[in-house]
Amino acid sequence: MRRLTACAVAASALSIASAATAGIMPAASVAAPAGPLSSYCDPSASAFDPADVPPTGSGPVTVDGVRERSLTVDGVKTRLLESGRRGADTAVVFMHGSPGSGADFANLMPQVSGRHNRALVFDGPGFGLAEDTWGRPRTIGPAVRFMSRALQKLGVRAVHLVAHDVGGGVGLEWASRHPKRLRSATLIDAGMLFDYRHHNLAQISRTPGAGEAFWLQINRASFNAGIQDGQSPSRQLPPEFTNRLYDDLDRETRCAIIDLYRMTDEPEIDQLARDQAKVFRKRERRPALVIWGKRDPYLPVRHAEEQRRGFPSARIEVFEDSGHFPFADDPARTRSLIVPFLRDALAEDRSADRRRASGFSRGGPPGSG
């Protein structure tokens, strides 16, 4: 097993006692928290709220060309970021990871949207500036339904998916249920995870008692240190990025992460990958771009090449010095790959639409041309 992140060293004595039994945590000298940890994820247990997380979260996004508004889906109010043509039914849809929010991709959005399409991203329930969703199931089904109903409400027909981390699992599962609507896929340390194995953070979070104690004891300093795990010394995550992630890491989000890991088993993730690949490879020429950090400590780089099991013509780019967040530790290279890829995919999408429209005008069958 790999070494634990610096975050893990900050875990409480109670966490150490629980985790040491499973052999997953080294010793540390931190005072044990007071109070029953079984109530950590009780909405009313405000005594456990992290003191150094601002109550308003990370605040609004201020990027030229990006519009911010609220979106309510299934009674859950969340933040929506948009750029480009208002109401366009073709959209570049970004799906963020955990931890993360739509703000992760705000700087990219204006560069992949314009008069023909829009770009959008919403904060997933329990993350970013979405309102609290205590007790909401964190399995793949509810997340996919939320995405589907959000796109329906926004009037999005054709999707060019850009996904990171768990956003890839949700986005690809949605796409496997609506394959004709997926026009291209850009996967950043995300995708079909064949023979997936839970990483250290997942194992700790899945362990009752240890998971609660671990997340209870995380503060800004330990988070900012621990999230650099896997990063090259010469390519660290910028503090403005890590601090923004932490600003949104309130107790409800921490409990969402705990639930996410506990409700998702390794065989389920592997089976999802196999089922999705069967659907996607039926259209071998669907454009796909895969970006992966070679130093990713959570999702090993071996998964990058495996994306060709669903997207045979995928272009794969491995960032030698990057960890789990290539878009944050090497934004220039990420941008240089994603922007031209999406512009080409969007142009081909428009050409295909024109060919289909021409077929209709000549009395051809749906989808002719």
Protein backbone atom coordinates (compact mmCIF):
# COMPACT_ATOMS: atom_id res chain seq x y z
CA MET A 1 0.00 0.00 0.00
CA ARG A 2 1.22 3.49 -0.82
CA ARG A 3 2.18 5.94 1.91
CA LEU A 4 -0.63 8.06 3.28
CA THR A 5 -0.99 11.72 2.45
CA ALA A 6 0.08 14.40 4.88
CA CYS A 7 -3.64 14.85 5.58
CA ALA A 8 -3.76 11.40 7.13
CA VAL A 9 -1.02 12.27 9.61
CA ALA A 10 -3.35 14.91 11.01
CA ALA A 11 -6.01 12.32 11.93
CA SER A 12 -7.12 12.03 15.53
CA ALA A 13 -5.99 9.48 18.10
CA LEU A 14 -9.39 7.81 17.81
CA SER A 15 -8.99 7.55 14.08
CA ILE A 16 -5.54 6.07 14.56
CA ALA A 17 -6.86 3.47 16.97
CA SER A 18 -9.57 2.42 14.51
CA ALA A 19 -7.44 2.54 11.39
CA ALA A 20 -4.36 0.93 12.89
CA THR A 21 -6.38 -2.25 13.34
CA ALA A 22 -6.81 -2.38 9.59
CA GLY A 23 -3.16 -1.50 9.09
CA ILE A 24 -3.83 1.61 7.04
CA MET A 25 -2.54 4.48 9.14
CA PRO A 26 0.75 5.35 10.84
CA ALA A 27 0.98 6.68 14.36
CA ALA A 28 0.51 10.39 15.04
CA SER A 29 0.21 12.57 18.10
CA VAL A 30 -3.07 14.49 17.94
CA ALA A 31 -5.64 14.89 20.68
CA ALA A 32 -8.77 12.77 20.32
CA PRO A 33 -11.95 14.78 19.62
CA ALA A 34 -14.62 15.08 22.25
CA GLY A 35 -18.13 13.79 21.62
CA PRO A 36 -19.56 10.68 19.92
CA LEU A 37 -18.24 10.44 16.37
CA SER A 38 -21.29 8.45 15.34
CA SER A 39 -23.11 11.78 15.21
CA TYR A 40 -20.51 13.50 13.02
CA CYS A 41 -22.81 13.40 9.99
CA ASP A 42 -25.93 14.36 11.92
CA PRO A 43 -27.06 17.69 10.40
CA SER A 44 -27.67 19.11 13.87
CA ALA A 45 -24.15 18.28 15.17
CA SER A 46 -22.84 21.76 14.47
CA ALA A 47 -20.16 21.38 17.15
CA PHE A 48 -18.24 19.36 14.58
CA ASP A 49 -18.35 22.12 11.92
CA PRO A 50 -14.82 23.10 10.78
CA ALA A 51 -14.00 26.51 12.22
CA ASP A 52 -11.78 27.58 9.33
CA VAL A 53 -14.28 27.00 6.50
CA PRO A 54 -16.18 30.20 5.61
CA PRO A 55 -19.96 29.84 5.99
CA THR A 56 -20.51 31.22 2.47
CA GLY A 57 -18.07 28.85 0.82
CA SER A 58 -15.69 29.91 -1.91
CA GLY A 59 -17.88 32.74 -3.15
CA PRO A 60 -18.85 33.78 -6.69
CA VAL A 61 -16.82 33.16 -9.83
CA THR A 62 -15.44 36.28 -11.50
CA VAL A 63 -14.26 35.23 -14.97
CA ASP A 64 -14.94 37.37 -18.03
CA GLY A 65 -17.56 35.75 -20.22
CA VAL A 66 -18.90 33.43 -17.52
CA ARG A 67 -22.41 33.96 -16.20
CA GLU A 68 -23.46 32.68 -12.77
CA ARG A 69 -26.99 31.90 -11.63
CA SER A 70 -28.89 29.39 -9.55
CA LEU A 71 -30.49 26.21 -10.85
CA THR A 72 -33.00 24.10 -8.95
CA VAL A 73 -33.32 20.42 -9.82
CA ASP A 74 -35.46 17.97 -7.85
CA GLY A 75 -35.78 20.54 -5.09
CA VAL A 76 -32.01 21.04 -4.78
CA LYS A 77 -30.73 24.55 -5.46
CA THR A 78 -27.23 24.75 -6.88
CA ARG A 79 -24.89 27.08 -8.74
CA LEU A 80 -24.81 27.07 -12.53
CA LEU A 81 -22.00 28.63 -14.56
CA GLU A 82 -22.54 29.29 -18.27
CA SER A 83 -20.79 30.92 -21.19
CA GLY A 84 -21.48 31.27 -24.88
CA ARG A 85 -24.82 31.31 -26.68
CA ARG A 86 -27.75 31.47 -24.30
CA GLY A 87 -30.16 28.58 -24.71
CA ALA A 88 -28.06 26.70 -27.28
CA ASP A 89 -29.03 23.03 -27.36
CA THR A 90 -25.43 21.96 -27.97
CA ALA A 91 -23.24 22.35 -24.92
CA VAL A 92 -19.83 21.54 -23.56
CA VAL A 93 -20.85 20.05 -20.22
CA PHE A 94 -18.20 20.01 -17.50
CA MET A 95 -18.51 17.58 -14.59
CA HIS A 96 -16.31 18.27 -11.58
CA GLY A 97 -14.71 15.82 -9.18
CA SER A 98 -14.56 15.30 -5.42
CA PRO A 99 -13.51 17.55 -3.88
CA GLY A 100 -14.27 20.20 -6.43
CA SER A 101 -16.89 22.44 -7.96
CA GLY A 102 -17.87 24.06 -11.21
CA ALA A 103 -15.35 26.80 -10.51
CA ASP A 104 -12.61 24.29 -11.42
CA PHE A 105 -13.39 24.89 -15.09
CA ALA A 106 -14.51 28.52 -15.19
CA ASN A 107 -11.37 29.71 -16.97
CA LEU A 108 -11.78 27.15 -19.75
CA MET A 109 -15.45 27.77 -20.45
CA PRO A 110 -15.27 30.96 -22.55
CA GLN A 111 -12.66 29.34 -24.79
CA VAL A 112 -14.89 26.42 -25.79
CA SER A 113 -18.17 28.29 -26.27
CA GLY A 114 -19.40 30.90 -28.72
CA ARG A 115 -22.22 31.83 -31.03
CA HIS A 116 -23.04 28.22 -31.91
CA ASN A 117 -22.88 26.54 -28.52
CA ARG A 118 -22.62 27.14 -24.82
CA ALA A 119 -20.49 25.72 -22.05
CA LEU A 120 -21.95 24.96 -18.64
CA VAL A 121 -21.21 23.36 -15.31
CA PHE A 122 -23.26 22.94 -12.17
CA ASP A 123 -22.08 22.17 -8.66
CA GLY A 124 -23.09 18.61 -7.82
CA PRO A 125 -25.38 18.11 -4.79
CA GLY A 126 -23.30 18.41 -1.64
CA PHE A 127 -20.39 20.16 -3.34
CA GLY A 128 -19.32 23.70 -4.14
CA LEU A 129 -22.11 26.18 -3.54
CA ALA A 130 -24.95 23.68 -3.86
CA GLU A 131 -27.28 23.78 -0.93
CA ASP A 132 -26.91 21.13 1.75
CA THR A 133 -28.32 17.71 0.88
CA TRP A 134 -27.92 15.77 4.13
CA GLY A 135 -28.87 12.13 3.75
CA ARG A 136 -29.12 12.19 -0.04
CA PRO A 137 -27.99 8.84 -1.51
CA ARG A 138 -24.52 9.13 -3.09
CA THR A 139 -24.82 6.15 -5.39
CA ILE A 140 -24.45 6.54 -9.15
CA GLY A 141 -28.18 6.41 -9.86
CA PRO A 142 -29.26 9.61 -8.08
CA ALA A 143 -26.25 11.52 -9.45
CA VAL A 144 -27.08 10.48 -13.01
CA ARG A 145 -30.73 11.43 -12.55
CA PHE A 146 -29.71 14.83 -11.26
CA MET A 147 -27.50 15.39 -14.31
CA SER A 148 -30.20 14.16 -16.69
CA ARG A 149 -32.89 16.39 -15.22
CA ALA A 150 -30.54 19.37 -15.12
CA LEU A 151 -29.77 19.00 -18.83
CA GLN A 152 -33.46 18.54 -19.59
CA LYS A 153 -34.35 21.68 -17.67
CA LEU A 154 -31.61 23.61 -19.47
CA GLY A 155 -32.70 22.37 -22.89
CA VAL A 156 -29.42 20.66 -23.76
CA ARG A 157 -29.66 18.10 -26.55
CA ALA A 158 -26.10 17.38 -27.69
CA VAL A 159 -23.32 17.00 -25.11
CA HIS A 160 -19.57 17.36 -25.40
CA LEU A 161 -18.55 15.96 -22.03
CA VAL A 162 -15.53 17.18 -20.07
CA ALA A 163 -15.15 15.33 -16.78
CA HIS A 164 -12.73 14.96 -13.89
CA ASP A 165 -12.53 12.31 -11.17
CA VAL A 166 -15.96 11.07 -10.02
CA GLY A 167 -17.52 13.45 -12.55
CA GLY A 168 -16.34 10.98 -15.17
CA GLY A 169 -18.24 8.12 -13.58
CA VAL A 170 -21.45 10.14 -13.47
CA GLY A 171 -21.02 11.72 -16.89
CA LEU A 172 -20.16 8.46 -18.65
CA GLU A 173 -23.02 6.59 -17.00
CA TRP A 174 -25.40 9.32 -18.20
CA ALA A 175 -23.86 9.06 -21.67
CA SER A 176 -24.18 5.26 -21.74
CA ARG A 177 -27.92 5.73 -21.22
CA HIS A 178 -28.08 8.44 -23.92
CA PRO A 179 -25.30 7.45 -26.34
CA LYS A 180 -26.63 9.37 -29.33
CA ARG A 181 -26.46 12.61 -27.35
CA LEU A 182 -22.77 12.19 -26.47
CA ARG A 183 -20.85 13.91 -29.26
CA SER A 184 -17.36 13.85 -27.71
CA ALA A 185 -15.67 12.97 -24.43
CA THR A 186 -12.77 14.66 -22.66
CA LEU A 187 -11.64 12.72 -19.60
CA ILE A 188 -9.21 14.19 -17.07
CA ASP A 189 -8.02 11.55 -14.61
CA ALA A 190 -11.46 10.05 -15.03
CA GLY A 191 -13.30 7.45 -17.03
CA MET A 192 -14.05 3.74 -17.10
CA LEU A 193 -12.17 2.26 -14.14
CA PHE A 194 -11.56 -1.39 -14.92
CA ASP A 195 -10.39 -3.52 -11.97
CA TYR A 196 -10.66 -0.46 -9.73
CA ARG A 197 -9.16 -0.62 -6.26
CA HIS A 198 -9.96 1.78 -3.45
CA HIS A 199 -7.06 4.12 -2.70
CA ASN A 200 -5.91 5.01 0.81
CA LEU A 201 -8.24 7.97 1.26
CA ALA A 202 -11.19 5.84 0.15
CA GLN A 203 -10.24 3.03 2.53
CA ILE A 204 -9.98 5.39 5.49
CA SER A 205 -13.26 7.12 4.62
CA ARG A 206 -15.04 3.78 4.25
CA THR A 207 -14.00 2.64 7.74
CA PRO A 208 -16.67 3.51 10.36
CA GLY A 209 -15.23 5.73 13.05
CA ALA A 210 -11.91 6.19 11.30
CA GLY A 211 -13.51 8.00 8.38
CA GLU A 212 -15.42 10.43 10.60
CA ALA A 213 -12.37 11.12 12.76
CA PHE A 214 -10.16 11.63 9.75
CA TRP A 215 -12.41 14.25 8.17
CA LEU A 216 -13.13 15.89 11.52
CA GLN A 217 -9.45 16.60 12.08
CA ILE A 218 -8.69 18.00 8.62
CA ASN A 219 -7.94 21.72 8.77
CA ARG A 220 -6.76 24.13 6.11
CA ALA A 221 -3.07 23.53 6.74
CA SER A 222 -3.28 19.73 6.67
CA PHE A 223 -5.57 19.78 3.63
CA ASN A 224 -3.30 22.10 1.66
CA ALA A 225 -0.34 19.87 2.50
CA GLY A 226 -2.04 16.53 1.93
CA ILE A 227 -3.60 17.37 -1.42
CA GLN A 228 -0.11 17.88 -2.82
CA ASP A 229 0.39 14.10 -2.53
CA GLY A 230 1.60 12.81 -5.88
CA GLN A 231 2.59 16.24 -7.12
CA SER A 232 6.05 16.81 -8.50
CA PRO A 233 8.09 19.19 -6.32
CA SER A 234 8.44 21.36 -9.41
CA ARG A 235 4.70 21.29 -10.19
CA GLN A 236 2.73 21.94 -7.02
CA LEU A 237 -0.95 22.79 -6.96
CA PRO A 238 -1.35 26.56 -6.66
CA PRO A 239 -2.52 27.81 -3.25
CA GLU A 240 -5.43 29.73 -4.76
CA PHE A 241 -6.75 26.38 -6.08
CA THR A 242 -6.27 24.36 -2.90
CA ASN A 243 -7.67 27.16 -0.73
CA ARG A 244 -10.75 27.41 -2.92
CA LEU A 245 -11.32 23.67 -2.59
CA TYR A 246 -11.00 23.95 1.17
CA ASP A 247 -13.37 26.93 1.33
CA ASP A 248 -16.09 24.56 0.06
CA LEU A 249 -15.12 21.63 2.32
CA ASP A 250 -17.73 22.14 5.01
CA ARG A 251 -18.98 19.28 7.15
CA GLU A 252 -21.83 18.42 4.81
CA THR A 253 -19.40 18.05 1.92
CA ARG A 254 -17.07 15.91 4.05
CA CYS A 255 -19.99 13.66 4.88
CA ALA A 256 -20.96 13.52 1.20
CA ILE A 257 -17.44 12.25 0.48
CA ILE A 258 -17.70 9.65 3.25
CA ASP A 259 -21.05 8.46 1.90
CA LEU A 260 -19.75 8.39 -1.66
CA TYR A 261 -16.95 6.03 -0.72
CA ARG A 262 -19.08 3.85 1.52
CA MET A 263 -21.88 3.43 -0.99
CA THR A 264 -19.60 2.51 -3.90
CA ASP A 265 -17.90 -0.89 -3.95
CA GLU A 266 -15.02 -1.99 -6.18
CA PRO A 267 -16.95 -4.67 -8.15
CA GLU A 268 -19.69 -2.15 -8.91
CA ILE A 269 -17.22 0.33 -10.37
CA ASP A 270 -15.58 -2.36 -12.48
CA GLN A 271 -18.93 -3.57 -13.81
CA LEU A 272 -19.98 -0.03 -14.69
CA ALA A 273 -16.79 0.33 -16.72
CA ARG A 274 -17.43 -2.90 -18.62
CA ASP A 275 -21.06 -2.04 -19.34
CA GLN A 276 -20.19 1.48 -20.47
CA ALA A 277 -17.42 0.27 -22.77
CA LYS A 278 -19.84 -2.07 -24.54
CA VAL A 279 -22.10 0.88 -25.34
CA PHE A 280 -19.42 3.37 -26.36
CA ARG A 281 -17.36 1.14 -28.64
CA LYS A 282 -20.36 0.65 -30.92
CA ARG A 283 -19.41 4.06 -32.31
CA GLU A 284 -15.68 3.68 -32.74
CA ARG A 285 -15.06 7.11 -34.24
CA ARG A 286 -16.59 9.20 -31.48
CA PRO A 287 -13.95 11.87 -30.64
CA ALA A 288 -12.29 11.36 -27.28
CA LEU A 289 -9.39 13.01 -25.49
CA VAL A 290 -7.86 11.48 -22.35
CA ILE A 291 -5.58 13.50 -20.07
CA TRP A 292 -3.96 11.78 -17.09
CA GLY A 293 -1.39 12.76 -14.50
CA LYS A 294 1.26 10.06 -14.28
CA ARG A 295 1.74 10.78 -10.57
CA ASP A 296 -1.95 10.47 -9.65
CA PRO A 297 -2.03 8.71 -6.24
CA TYR A 298 -5.76 7.98 -6.41
CA LEU A 299 -6.47 6.74 -9.95
CA PRO A 300 -3.37 5.04 -11.38
CA VAL A 301 -2.19 6.09 -14.82
CA ARG A 302 -2.84 2.57 -16.14
CA HIS A 303 -6.49 3.63 -16.46
CA ALA A 304 -5.59 6.13 -19.19
CA GLU A 305 -4.90 3.54 -21.87
CA GLU A 306 -7.94 1.54 -20.77
CA GLN A 307 -10.23 4.30 -22.05
CA ARG A 308 -9.65 2.93 -25.55
CA ARG A 309 -11.79 -0.05 -24.57
CA GLY A 310 -14.74 2.30 -24.95
CA PHE A 311 -13.23 4.97 -27.20
CA PRO A 312 -10.91 3.11 -29.62
CA SER A 313 -9.75 6.26 -31.41
CA ALA A 314 -9.09 8.25 -28.23
CA ARG A 315 -6.09 10.53 -28.08
CA ILE A 316 -4.23 9.88 -24.82
CA GLU A 317 -1.95 12.45 -23.22
CA VAL A 318 -0.04 11.56 -20.04
CA PHE A 319 1.38 14.47 -18.05
CA GLU A 320 4.61 13.12 -16.59
CA ASP A 321 4.88 15.61 -13.71
CA SER A 322 1.18 15.97 -12.87
CA GLY A 323 -0.87 14.37 -10.13
CA HIS A 324 -4.66 14.07 -9.88
CA PHE A 325 -5.43 17.63 -11.02
CA PRO A 326 -3.64 18.31 -14.36
CA PHE A 327 -6.01 21.16 -15.18
CA ALA A 328 -4.79 22.93 -12.02
CA ASP A 329 -1.08 22.04 -11.92
CA ASP A 330 -0.52 22.46 -15.68
CA PRO A 331 -3.35 24.67 -16.95
CA ALA A 332 -1.48 25.89 -20.03
CA ARG A 333 -0.89 22.40 -21.42
CA THR A 334 -4.40 21.31 -20.49
CA ARG A 335 -5.84 24.30 -22.31
CA SER A 336 -3.62 23.71 -25.36
CA LEU A 337 -5.11 20.23 -25.71
CA ILE A 338 -8.74 20.72 -24.75
CA VAL A 339 -9.51 23.92 -26.63
CA PRO A 340 -8.53 22.78 -30.16
CA PHE A 341 -9.95 19.30 -29.54
CA LEU A 342 -13.35 20.70 -28.59
CA ARG A 343 -13.38 23.29 -31.34
CA ASP A 344 -12.79 20.54 -33.90
CA ALA A 345 -15.41 18.28 -32.31
CA LEU A 346 -17.95 21.10 -32.22
CA ALA A 347 -17.26 21.98 -35.86
CA GLU A 348 -17.73 18.35 -36.90
CA ASP A 349 -20.93 18.25 -34.86
CA ARG A 350 -22.29 21.25 -36.76
CA SER A 351 -21.31 19.68 -40.08
CA ALA A 352 -23.09 16.47 -39.15
CA ASP A 353 -26.19 18.45 -38.19
CA ARG A 354 -26.12 20.20 -41.56
CA ARG A 355 -25.83 16.85 -43.35
CA ARG A 356 -28.76 15.49 -41.39
CA ALA A 357 -30.80 18.61 -42.12
CA SER A 358 -29.96 18.29 -45.82
CA GLY A 359 -31.17 14.69 -45.73
CA PHE A 360 -34.46 15.79 -44.19
CA SER A 361 -34.95 18.48 -46.82
CA ARG A 362 -34.49 15.90 -49.57
CA GLY A 363 -37.00 13.62 -47.90
CA GLY A 364 -34.35 11.25 -46.53
CA PRO A 365 -34.88 9.18 -43.41
CA PRO A 366 -33.91 10.49 -40.00
CA GLY A 367 -30.17 10.41 -39.54
CA SER A 368 -29.45 10.08 -43.29
CA GLY A 369 -26.35 11.76 -44.64
